[in-house]
């Protein structure tokens, strides 16, 4: 019984339990070293007192393990979700490589559009699979914006655009692109509902323009109108979610480590009262009078803190 109490004191790492263990050991050794003492009192002590403490601590340990299992279940589910995300997500490397290819496709398409408009030739200027980029990456890498802002960004004056059967482009934008040799780089993607916008920055110029794939529309874009976006955060939505799940699991693991050996304050107070009882110099004289200590023992066994 003393060995069980020792193991539990090591498990909980609580000062009052360790003090109870030491005091219990002292009482036990007292009987071992003094054969003239009534050994029945030692048996009674362990039966009524040590067993009560051991049973209480076991009860706490079982209750804590149930709570820890709940935390571990959530950790396991989070790990499964992280694995699924890792298997399905396009990596930042994929995105960065493909957005360079997409910028080349858009630049080439704009160059052809300028040529066809200049020659008054009604031909399709767009590179093959130009819409595949947004279809592939918009759900994970594009920023969400409200519909009113989407409408504002894509509204234009019909008198200020060039158009053919395949495309519409702002006249001033076409002029600027021609001066910069149709060089632009992908800046970001925006979504509102099922519609997407691709935003490009003109190389050598501080201005931006948008490409609306659903209408093959090109317009200047004032990105100062797009508020609430951290442009420096290039992590995909799924990567962000995976990082959040990792952080959550760290918190859960920390909570599990604490919960495993947590003892409610009410029970700590009962254990302190118990220790004070057995540490009393008159304790051994009253050890056979169970009623004297009955209240504290019953409180320990019937506590509602678990």
Foldseek 3Di string as FASTA:
>chain_A
DLVLLVVLCVQQVDPLSVLVSVLLVVVVVVCVVDVVDDVVLNVLCCVQPVVLVSVLSVVLLVVLVVVLVVLVVLLVVLVVLLVVLVVPPDDPVNLVVVQQVLLVQQLQLLVQVVVCVVVVHQDRSGDPPSVVSCVPPVVWFAAEDEPVVVCVQQDDDPVQWDDHPHAIEGPVVSVVCVVLSSHWGWQHKYDYPPWIKTKIARPPDRWIWIAGVVHNYIYTGDCVVVPDDDSVDRGIPSRVVSVVSVVSSVVSVVVSSQSSNDDDPVLVVLSNVSSVQSVDPCNSVCSVVCVVVVVSSVCSNPPPPD
